[in-house]
Amino acid sequence: MNAALQAQPLRVGFTGYYGMRNFGDDLFGVLCAAGARRYWQAEPLLVGPEPADGELRATWPRALPSALYGASGALGGLSRWVGFVRGLRASDVLVLGGGSVINGRPSFRKPLMLAAQRRGRVRLAAVGVSIGPFANAAEQTAAADFARRFAYIAVRDRRSHALAQDMGLQDIVHAGRDLAGLLPLVAPTKERERNDNDPATIGIAPCRYTVRADHPAPTPQAWQDAIVQALVRIAPQRPIRACVFALNGHPQHGDAAIATQLQARLRERGIATELQIYRGGDPLATAAAIARCDAFVSARLHGAIVAYLQGLPFTLIDYHPKCRDFADDIGLPQALHIHAQHHDCAAFEAALSIMLNAGGTLADVSPNLYAQQALRIFQCAPWSSTALLPP
């Protein structure tokens, strides 16, 4: 960068799947902005719609409906292309902020990023990301060629870090944590006031997923059948209520339909149940709603991570390698890890019993330690104002 640019606050653009009504992705944007302001002394710009609090700059004009940005079809695609180009032109550093984004899937972003980097107009970085999985060696090689153009990459799990080493990225990669680990920086957990006579609230976050050929998992229907049966069996023993969260509210790809169906099934069986649908724009409000639960069962990875960071006992539905990676990284007890060989009614009864008697998280890695390590995602960047060097 030239001296004139260096004399100004660093302009950092964050790009990801923001504005698509997915809780985890929208949370990434809010947390990336907070980390950049605190540790990079930067003025962040989100590539996508502005969050509900109105405190962040964004590429999508406030006057236009945010639903248009996340829409399917040619108009939605054009909206995202225009937003990305605006963000690229307005940034000194463009950062892939969160998610499984260094992979073998085609993207209109990659050639635009590489062209801008080659011309010296922007530096590239990635924070809180996963690498892979790849279908074949050719995909991995292409991803490695792309990632070598980056100045800094902070991966969120040990598997991605090991893969980055194999791909020859050791000079630029940092073994980090998921960006959700920065949640306490933005919204510190508040001590919850609770009456011992209140029913225990069990949060449930389903996910509309398809079982992958390379990662055996219970079908959504199978594990939902099992948890309904388990809750019905537990209900006579202690007062409980459920809150079903649709953490992806996208009208075509989201969870609202299966969440609504699950709520109806629980009500039919006599379980008092509420429904929370994330409709975009305010991920911190949804994080606060998760914190009001006493235990959490989640197929959505960031439902589980947010519950964990707020000290809740949680059970994770392992439907994707990223779920297993997180469970392994924090040392989640096997009884709270639902997978292809462990997802019947008895498995959920045991998990619910453990959680309702735990009084806090049961992982080997404490949420406080995880949050402290997550800060290094930003502290270890080459342009960090804290001047920490990667280990």
Protein backbone atom coordinates (compact mmCIF):
# COMPACT_ATOMS: atom_id res chain seq x y z
CA MET A 1 0.00 0.00 0.00
CA ASN A 2 1.20 3.53 -0.67
CA ALA A 3 2.01 6.09 2.04
CA ALA A 4 -1.23 8.01 1.49
CA LEU A 5 -3.30 4.92 2.18
CA GLN A 6 -1.23 4.02 5.23
CA ALA A 7 -1.85 7.49 6.72
CA GLN A 8 -5.61 6.84 6.69
CA PRO A 9 -7.54 4.32 8.77
CA LEU A 10 -7.38 0.89 7.19
CA ARG A 11 -10.42 0.27 5.00
CA VAL A 12 -11.51 -3.34 5.54
CA GLY A 13 -14.30 -5.01 3.61
CA PHE A 14 -15.82 -8.23 4.94
CA THR A 15 -17.54 -10.61 2.57
CA GLY A 16 -19.40 -13.83 3.21
CA TYR A 17 -22.93 -15.18 3.00
CA TYR A 18 -24.27 -12.11 4.78
CA GLY A 19 -27.81 -10.91 4.17
CA MET A 20 -29.21 -14.35 3.30
CA ARG A 21 -31.26 -14.61 6.53
CA ASN A 22 -28.93 -17.15 8.07
CA PHE A 23 -28.23 -16.45 11.74
CA GLY A 24 -24.66 -17.74 11.79
CA ASP A 25 -23.56 -15.85 8.69
CA ASP A 26 -25.15 -12.58 9.79
CA LEU A 27 -23.51 -12.97 13.20
CA PHE A 28 -20.13 -13.29 11.45
CA GLY A 29 -20.58 -9.86 9.89
CA VAL A 30 -21.36 -8.14 13.19
CA LEU A 31 -18.46 -9.83 14.97
CA CYS A 32 -15.98 -9.18 12.16
CA ALA A 33 -16.77 -5.48 12.31
CA ALA A 34 -16.26 -5.39 16.08
CA GLY A 35 -12.93 -7.23 15.84
CA ALA A 36 -11.64 -4.97 13.06
CA ARG A 37 -12.52 -1.82 14.95
CA ARG A 38 -10.89 -2.97 18.16
CA TYR A 39 -7.76 -4.75 16.93
CA TRP A 40 -7.11 -3.31 13.47
CA GLN A 41 -8.17 0.29 14.17
CA ALA A 42 -10.08 -0.08 10.91
CA GLU A 43 -13.28 1.24 9.43
CA PRO A 44 -15.21 -1.94 8.50
CA LEU A 45 -17.55 -2.31 5.54
CA LEU A 46 -19.94 -5.25 5.18
CA VAL A 47 -20.57 -6.60 1.71
CA GLY A 48 -24.30 -7.00 2.03
CA PRO A 49 -27.23 -5.36 3.83
CA GLU A 50 -26.79 -3.27 6.95
CA PRO A 51 -27.66 -5.02 10.25
CA ALA A 52 -30.70 -3.82 12.18
CA ASP A 53 -28.75 -1.68 14.66
CA GLY A 54 -27.65 0.67 11.84
CA GLU A 55 -24.14 1.09 13.22
CA LEU A 56 -22.21 -0.57 10.39
CA ARG A 57 -21.43 0.59 6.89
CA ALA A 58 -22.71 -1.78 4.24
CA THR A 59 -22.69 -1.99 0.45
CA TRP A 60 -26.43 -2.59 0.07
CA PRO A 61 -28.35 0.71 0.03
CA ARG A 62 -30.56 1.12 3.07
CA ALA A 63 -33.43 2.36 0.90
CA LEU A 64 -33.66 -0.98 -0.92
CA PRO A 65 -35.30 -4.05 0.65
CA SER A 66 -32.72 -6.42 2.14
CA ALA A 67 -34.83 -9.39 0.93
CA LEU A 68 -33.87 -8.47 -2.64
CA TYR A 69 -30.18 -8.94 -1.86
CA GLY A 70 -30.76 -12.48 -0.65
CA ALA A 71 -33.27 -13.44 -3.31
CA SER A 72 -32.87 -16.40 -5.63
CA GLY A 73 -32.65 -15.97 -9.38
CA ALA A 74 -30.96 -13.47 -11.68
CA LEU A 75 -32.03 -10.34 -9.79
CA GLY A 76 -30.66 -11.59 -6.47
CA GLY A 77 -27.45 -12.73 -8.16
CA LEU A 78 -26.99 -9.35 -9.83
CA SER A 79 -27.60 -7.58 -6.50
CA ARG A 80 -24.86 -9.61 -4.82
CA TRP A 81 -22.45 -9.05 -7.74
CA VAL A 82 -22.94 -5.27 -7.61
CA GLY A 83 -22.53 -5.27 -3.81
CA PHE A 84 -19.34 -7.29 -4.03
CA VAL A 85 -17.78 -5.02 -6.65
CA ARG A 86 -18.63 -1.97 -4.52
CA GLY A 87 -16.99 -3.58 -1.51
CA LEU A 88 -13.91 -4.60 -3.46
CA ARG A 89 -13.37 -1.07 -4.75
CA ALA A 90 -13.84 0.49 -1.30
CA SER A 91 -11.36 -1.76 0.57
CA ASP A 92 -7.63 -1.83 1.24
CA VAL A 93 -8.05 -5.34 2.65
CA LEU A 94 -10.88 -7.66 1.57
CA VAL A 95 -11.58 -10.39 4.09
CA LEU A 96 -13.55 -13.61 3.74
CA GLY A 97 -15.27 -13.43 7.11
CA GLY A 98 -16.40 -16.79 8.40
CA GLY A 99 -17.82 -20.01 7.02
CA SER A 100 -16.74 -22.88 4.78
CA VAL A 101 -15.50 -20.58 2.03
CA ILE A 102 -12.14 -22.01 0.89
CA ASN A 103 -13.47 -24.97 -1.04
CA GLY A 104 -13.89 -26.41 -4.49
CA ARG A 105 -17.16 -24.70 -5.34
CA PRO A 106 -17.17 -22.13 -8.18
CA SER A 107 -17.75 -18.51 -7.17
CA PHE A 108 -17.99 -15.23 -9.06
CA ARG A 109 -15.98 -13.64 -6.23
CA LYS A 110 -12.72 -15.53 -6.83
CA PRO A 111 -11.69 -14.10 -10.22
CA LEU A 112 -12.64 -10.57 -9.13
CA MET A 113 -10.58 -10.90 -5.95
CA LEU A 114 -7.57 -12.29 -7.75
CA ALA A 115 -7.68 -9.62 -10.44
CA ALA A 116 -7.77 -6.83 -7.83
CA GLN A 117 -4.96 -8.45 -5.83
CA ARG A 118 -2.74 -8.84 -8.91
CA ARG A 119 -3.15 -5.13 -9.68
CA GLY A 120 -2.10 -4.23 -6.14
CA ARG A 121 -5.46 -2.63 -5.36
CA VAL A 122 -6.30 -4.84 -2.40
CA ARG A 123 -4.82 -7.37 0.01
CA LEU A 124 -6.77 -10.57 0.65
CA ALA A 125 -7.41 -12.28 3.97
CA ALA A 126 -9.74 -14.81 5.57
CA VAL A 127 -10.76 -15.12 9.23
CA GLY A 128 -12.69 -17.84 11.06
CA VAL A 129 -12.97 -20.04 7.97
CA SER A 130 -12.87 -23.75 7.20
CA ILE A 131 -10.84 -25.26 4.38
CA GLY A 132 -12.42 -28.02 2.31
CA PRO A 133 -13.58 -30.71 2.28
CA PHE A 134 -12.63 -31.38 -1.33
CA ALA A 135 -14.11 -33.94 -3.69
CA ASN A 136 -10.77 -34.67 -5.34
CA ALA A 137 -7.12 -33.62 -5.61
CA ALA A 138 -7.84 -31.17 -8.43
CA GLU A 139 -10.25 -29.20 -6.24
CA GLN A 140 -7.68 -29.04 -3.44
CA THR A 141 -4.95 -27.87 -5.80
CA ALA A 142 -7.17 -25.12 -7.20
CA ALA A 143 -8.10 -23.97 -3.71
CA ALA A 144 -4.44 -23.92 -2.66
CA ASP A 145 -3.54 -21.77 -5.69
CA PHE A 146 -6.30 -19.34 -4.70
CA ALA A 147 -5.36 -19.25 -1.00
CA ARG A 148 -1.66 -18.57 -1.69
CA ARG A 149 -2.65 -15.11 -2.89
CA PHE A 150 -3.81 -14.23 0.62
CA ALA A 151 -1.78 -12.27 3.14
CA TYR A 152 -3.38 -13.94 6.18
CA ILE A 153 -5.76 -16.84 6.85
CA ALA A 154 -7.14 -17.76 10.28
CA VAL A 155 -8.84 -21.15 10.21
CA ARG A 156 -11.43 -22.20 12.76
CA ASP A 157 -10.64 -25.87 13.39
CA ARG A 158 -7.71 -28.25 13.69
CA ARG A 159 -8.63 -30.24 10.60
CA SER A 160 -8.50 -27.11 8.45
CA HIS A 161 -5.17 -26.11 9.97
CA ALA A 162 -3.64 -29.50 9.20
CA LEU A 163 -5.01 -29.34 5.66
CA ALA A 164 -3.60 -25.83 5.22
CA GLN A 165 -0.17 -27.15 6.20
CA ASP A 166 -0.48 -29.92 3.61
CA MET A 167 -1.45 -27.32 1.00
CA GLY A 168 1.74 -25.30 1.64
CA LEU A 169 0.02 -22.37 3.38
CA GLN A 170 1.99 -22.54 6.64
CA ASP A 171 3.53 -19.07 6.21
CA ILE A 172 0.15 -17.33 6.19
CA VAL A 173 -2.15 -19.58 8.22
CA HIS A 174 -3.11 -19.14 11.88
CA ALA A 175 -4.80 -21.84 13.98
CA GLY A 176 -7.79 -19.90 15.26
CA ARG A 177 -11.33 -20.44 16.43
CA ASP A 178 -14.78 -19.82 15.04
CA LEU A 179 -15.71 -16.14 14.75
CA ALA A 180 -18.65 -16.74 17.07
CA GLY A 181 -16.03 -16.90 19.83
CA LEU A 182 -16.00 -13.08 19.70
CA LEU A 183 -19.62 -12.94 20.89
CA PRO A 184 -18.65 -12.08 24.50
CA LEU A 185 -16.72 -9.07 23.13
CA VAL A 186 -19.89 -7.65 21.58
CA ALA A 187 -22.61 -9.02 23.87
CA PRO A 188 -21.25 -10.23 27.24
CA THR A 189 -23.32 -12.98 28.81
CA LYS A 190 -25.65 -11.68 31.50
CA GLU A 191 -26.37 -13.59 34.67
CA ARG A 192 -29.79 -15.10 34.21
CA GLU A 193 -32.45 -14.74 36.88
CA ARG A 194 -34.45 -17.91 37.18
CA ASN A 195 -37.08 -19.27 39.54
CA ASP A 196 -36.52 -22.89 40.56
CA ASN A 197 -40.21 -23.55 39.92
CA ASP A 198 -40.03 -22.43 36.31
CA PRO A 199 -40.12 -25.20 33.70
CA ALA A 200 -36.77 -25.90 32.06
CA THR A 201 -36.60 -24.43 28.56
CA ILE A 202 -35.07 -26.71 25.94
CA GLY A 203 -34.04 -24.97 22.74
CA ILE A 204 -34.10 -27.01 19.54
CA ALA A 205 -32.62 -25.81 16.25
CA PRO A 206 -33.33 -28.11 13.29
CA CYS A 207 -31.59 -27.78 9.94
CA ARG A 208 -32.87 -28.55 6.49
CA TYR A 209 -29.93 -30.63 5.37
CA THR A 210 -29.34 -33.52 3.00
CA VAL A 211 -27.17 -36.39 4.24
CA ARG A 212 -23.80 -36.27 2.50
CA ALA A 213 -22.27 -39.32 0.83
CA ASP A 214 -18.94 -38.64 2.60
CA HIS A 215 -20.37 -38.00 6.08
CA PRO A 216 -22.97 -40.47 7.44
CA ALA A 217 -25.61 -38.76 9.58
CA PRO A 218 -29.15 -39.32 10.81
CA THR A 219 -31.80 -37.86 8.55
CA PRO A 220 -33.58 -34.77 9.89
CA GLN A 221 -36.77 -36.80 10.22
CA ALA A 222 -35.07 -39.59 12.18
CA TRP A 223 -33.52 -37.41 14.87
CA GLN A 224 -36.61 -35.22 15.16
CA ASP A 225 -38.77 -38.32 15.69
CA ALA A 226 -36.38 -39.43 18.41
CA ILE A 227 -36.26 -36.10 20.28
CA VAL A 228 -40.05 -35.76 20.24
CA GLN A 229 -40.35 -39.20 21.79
CA ALA A 230 -37.64 -38.41 24.35
CA LEU A 231 -39.27 -35.14 25.42
CA VAL A 232 -42.63 -36.87 25.83
CA ARG A 233 -41.00 -39.45 28.10
CA ILE A 234 -39.19 -36.85 30.18
CA ALA A 235 -42.13 -34.46 30.58
CA PRO A 236 -43.92 -36.46 33.35
CA GLN A 237 -40.71 -36.44 35.42
CA ARG A 238 -40.08 -32.67 35.48
CA PRO A 239 -41.69 -29.50 34.10
CA ILE A 240 -40.27 -28.63 30.69
CA ARG A 241 -41.07 -26.41 27.75
CA ALA A 242 -39.49 -26.21 24.30
CA CYS A 243 -38.49 -23.37 22.02
CA VAL A 244 -37.89 -24.32 18.40
CA PHE A 245 -35.51 -22.03 16.52
CA ALA A 246 -35.46 -21.64 12.74
CA LEU A 247 -31.96 -20.16 12.51
CA ASN A 248 -32.08 -19.93 8.74
CA GLY A 249 -35.11 -17.92 7.65
CA HIS A 250 -34.44 -17.93 3.91
CA PRO A 251 -37.77 -18.57 2.14
CA GLN A 252 -36.35 -21.17 -0.26
CA HIS A 253 -33.45 -22.73 1.65
CA GLY A 254 -34.29 -22.10 5.29
CA ASP A 255 -35.64 -24.01 8.26
CA ALA A 256 -38.99 -22.29 8.91
CA ALA A 257 -41.12 -25.11 7.50
CA ILE A 258 -39.44 -27.93 9.43
CA ALA A 259 -39.28 -25.83 12.59
CA THR A 260 -42.99 -25.05 12.36
CA GLN A 261 -43.76 -28.74 11.82
CA LEU A 262 -41.63 -29.71 14.82
CA GLN A 263 -43.41 -27.17 17.01
CA ALA A 264 -46.78 -28.58 15.94
CA ARG A 265 -45.70 -32.15 16.70
CA LEU A 266 -44.52 -31.22 20.19
CA ARG A 267 -47.71 -29.32 20.94
CA GLU A 268 -49.80 -32.28 19.79
CA ARG A 269 -47.95 -34.41 22.34
CA GLY A 270 -48.64 -31.95 25.15
CA ILE A 271 -45.28 -30.11 25.25
CA ALA A 272 -45.61 -26.33 25.57
CA THR A 273 -43.60 -25.01 22.63
CA GLU A 274 -42.71 -21.62 21.17
CA LEU A 275 -41.31 -20.87 17.73
CA GLN A 276 -38.50 -18.38 16.91
CA ILE A 277 -37.82 -17.70 13.23
CA TYR A 278 -34.73 -15.68 12.35
CA ARG A 279 -35.76 -13.25 9.64
CA GLY A 280 -32.46 -11.47 9.21
CA GLY A 281 -30.92 -8.23 10.39
CA ASP A 282 -30.55 -8.74 14.14
CA PRO A 283 -28.44 -11.79 15.05
CA LEU A 284 -27.64 -10.48 18.55
CA ALA A 285 -31.33 -10.61 19.48
CA THR A 286 -31.42 -14.27 18.47
CA ALA A 287 -28.24 -14.96 20.45
CA ALA A 288 -29.98 -13.44 23.49
CA ALA A 289 -33.00 -15.70 22.92
CA ILE A 290 -30.73 -18.75 22.85
CA ALA A 291 -29.19 -17.60 26.15
CA ARG A 292 -32.62 -17.71 27.79
CA CYS A 293 -32.76 -21.49 27.32
CA ASP A 294 -31.59 -23.99 29.94
CA ALA A 295 -30.31 -26.54 27.42
CA PHE A 296 -29.92 -26.53 23.65
CA VAL A 297 -30.12 -29.20 20.95
CA SER A 298 -28.88 -28.00 17.58
CA ALA A 299 -28.30 -29.23 14.06
CA ARG A 300 -27.30 -25.68 13.13
CA LEU A 301 -23.61 -25.35 14.03
CA HIS A 302 -23.89 -21.77 15.21
CA GLY A 303 -26.87 -22.51 17.38
CA ALA A 304 -24.60 -24.96 19.21
CA ILE A 305 -21.58 -22.62 19.31
CA VAL A 306 -23.60 -19.68 20.64
CA ALA A 307 -25.18 -21.88 23.31
CA TYR A 308 -21.72 -23.12 24.29
CA LEU A 309 -20.26 -19.61 24.51
CA GLN A 310 -23.09 -18.55 26.80
CA GLY A 311 -22.43 -21.40 29.19
CA LEU A 312 -25.39 -23.59 28.22
CA PRO A 313 -25.15 -27.36 28.09
CA PHE A 314 -25.83 -28.36 24.48
CA THR A 315 -26.18 -31.37 22.24
CA LEU A 316 -24.90 -31.22 18.66
CA ILE A 317 -26.46 -33.03 15.69
CA ASP A 318 -23.44 -34.06 13.58
CA TYR A 319 -24.62 -33.86 9.96
CA HIS A 320 -21.53 -32.24 8.37
CA PRO A 321 -17.72 -32.38 8.84
CA LYS A 322 -17.79 -28.86 10.34
CA CYS A 323 -19.99 -30.16 13.19
CA ARG A 324 -17.61 -33.00 13.97
CA ASP A 325 -14.65 -30.59 13.77
CA PHE A 326 -16.16 -28.32 16.41
CA ALA A 327 -17.15 -31.21 18.69
CA ASP A 328 -13.63 -32.62 18.49
CA ASP A 329 -11.96 -29.24 19.04
CA ILE A 330 -13.77 -28.48 22.30
CA GLY A 331 -13.94 -32.04 23.63
CA LEU A 332 -17.72 -32.41 23.58
CA PRO A 333 -18.78 -35.52 25.56
CA GLN A 334 -19.89 -38.38 23.32
CA ALA A 335 -23.26 -38.53 25.07
CA LEU A 336 -23.97 -35.03 23.74
CA HIS A 337 -22.81 -35.80 20.22
CA ILE A 338 -25.63 -37.14 18.03
CA HIS A 339 -24.44 -38.92 14.89
CA ALA A 340 -25.28 -41.75 12.50
CA GLN A 341 -24.70 -44.49 15.11
CA HIS A 342 -26.16 -42.58 18.07
CA HIS A 343 -29.48 -40.86 17.44
CA ASP A 344 -32.36 -42.92 18.83
CA CYS A 345 -34.78 -41.99 21.60
CA ALA A 346 -32.50 -43.44 24.29
CA ALA A 347 -29.62 -41.26 23.05
CA PHE A 348 -31.73 -38.13 23.38
CA GLU A 349 -33.14 -39.16 26.76
CA ALA A 350 -29.62 -39.57 28.08
CA ALA A 351 -28.46 -36.27 26.56
CA LEU A 352 -31.45 -34.36 27.94
CA SER A 353 -30.98 -35.84 31.39
CA ILE A 354 -27.29 -34.89 31.41
CA MET A 355 -27.97 -31.35 30.22
CA LEU A 356 -30.84 -30.65 32.59
CA ASN A 357 -28.72 -31.69 35.55
CA ALA A 358 -25.48 -30.06 34.43
CA GLY A 359 -25.95 -26.40 35.23
CA GLY A 360 -23.41 -25.37 32.58
CA THR A 361 -21.31 -26.45 29.64
CA LEU A 362 -19.67 -29.88 29.77
CA ALA A 363 -16.97 -29.50 27.11
CA ASP A 364 -13.28 -30.00 27.94
CA VAL A 365 -12.41 -26.53 26.60
CA SER A 366 -14.06 -23.79 28.66
CA PRO A 367 -16.08 -21.13 26.80
CA ASN A 368 -13.90 -18.43 28.38
CA LEU A 369 -10.73 -19.99 26.99
CA TYR A 370 -12.33 -20.44 23.58
CA ALA A 371 -13.37 -16.77 23.55
CA GLN A 372 -9.88 -15.61 24.54
CA GLN A 373 -8.34 -17.71 21.77
CA ALA A 374 -10.87 -16.33 19.28
CA LEU A 375 -9.56 -12.81 19.87
CA ARG A 376 -6.21 -13.88 18.40
CA ILE A 377 -7.95 -14.26 15.03
CA PHE A 378 -7.65 -10.48 14.79
CA GLN A 379 -4.66 -9.91 17.05
CA CYS A 380 -2.38 -12.10 14.92
CA ALA A 381 -3.11 -10.43 11.58
CA PRO A 382 -0.10 -8.63 10.05
CA TRP A 383 -1.92 -5.26 10.21
CA SER A 384 -3.13 -5.71 13.81
CA SER A 385 -2.55 -2.70 16.06
CA THR A 386 -1.67 -5.11 18.90
CA ALA A 387 1.37 -6.39 16.95
CA LEU A 388 1.00 -10.00 18.07
CA LEU A 389 2.81 -12.51 15.94
CA PRO A 390 1.29 -15.88 15.04
CA PRO A 391 2.80 -18.71 17.11
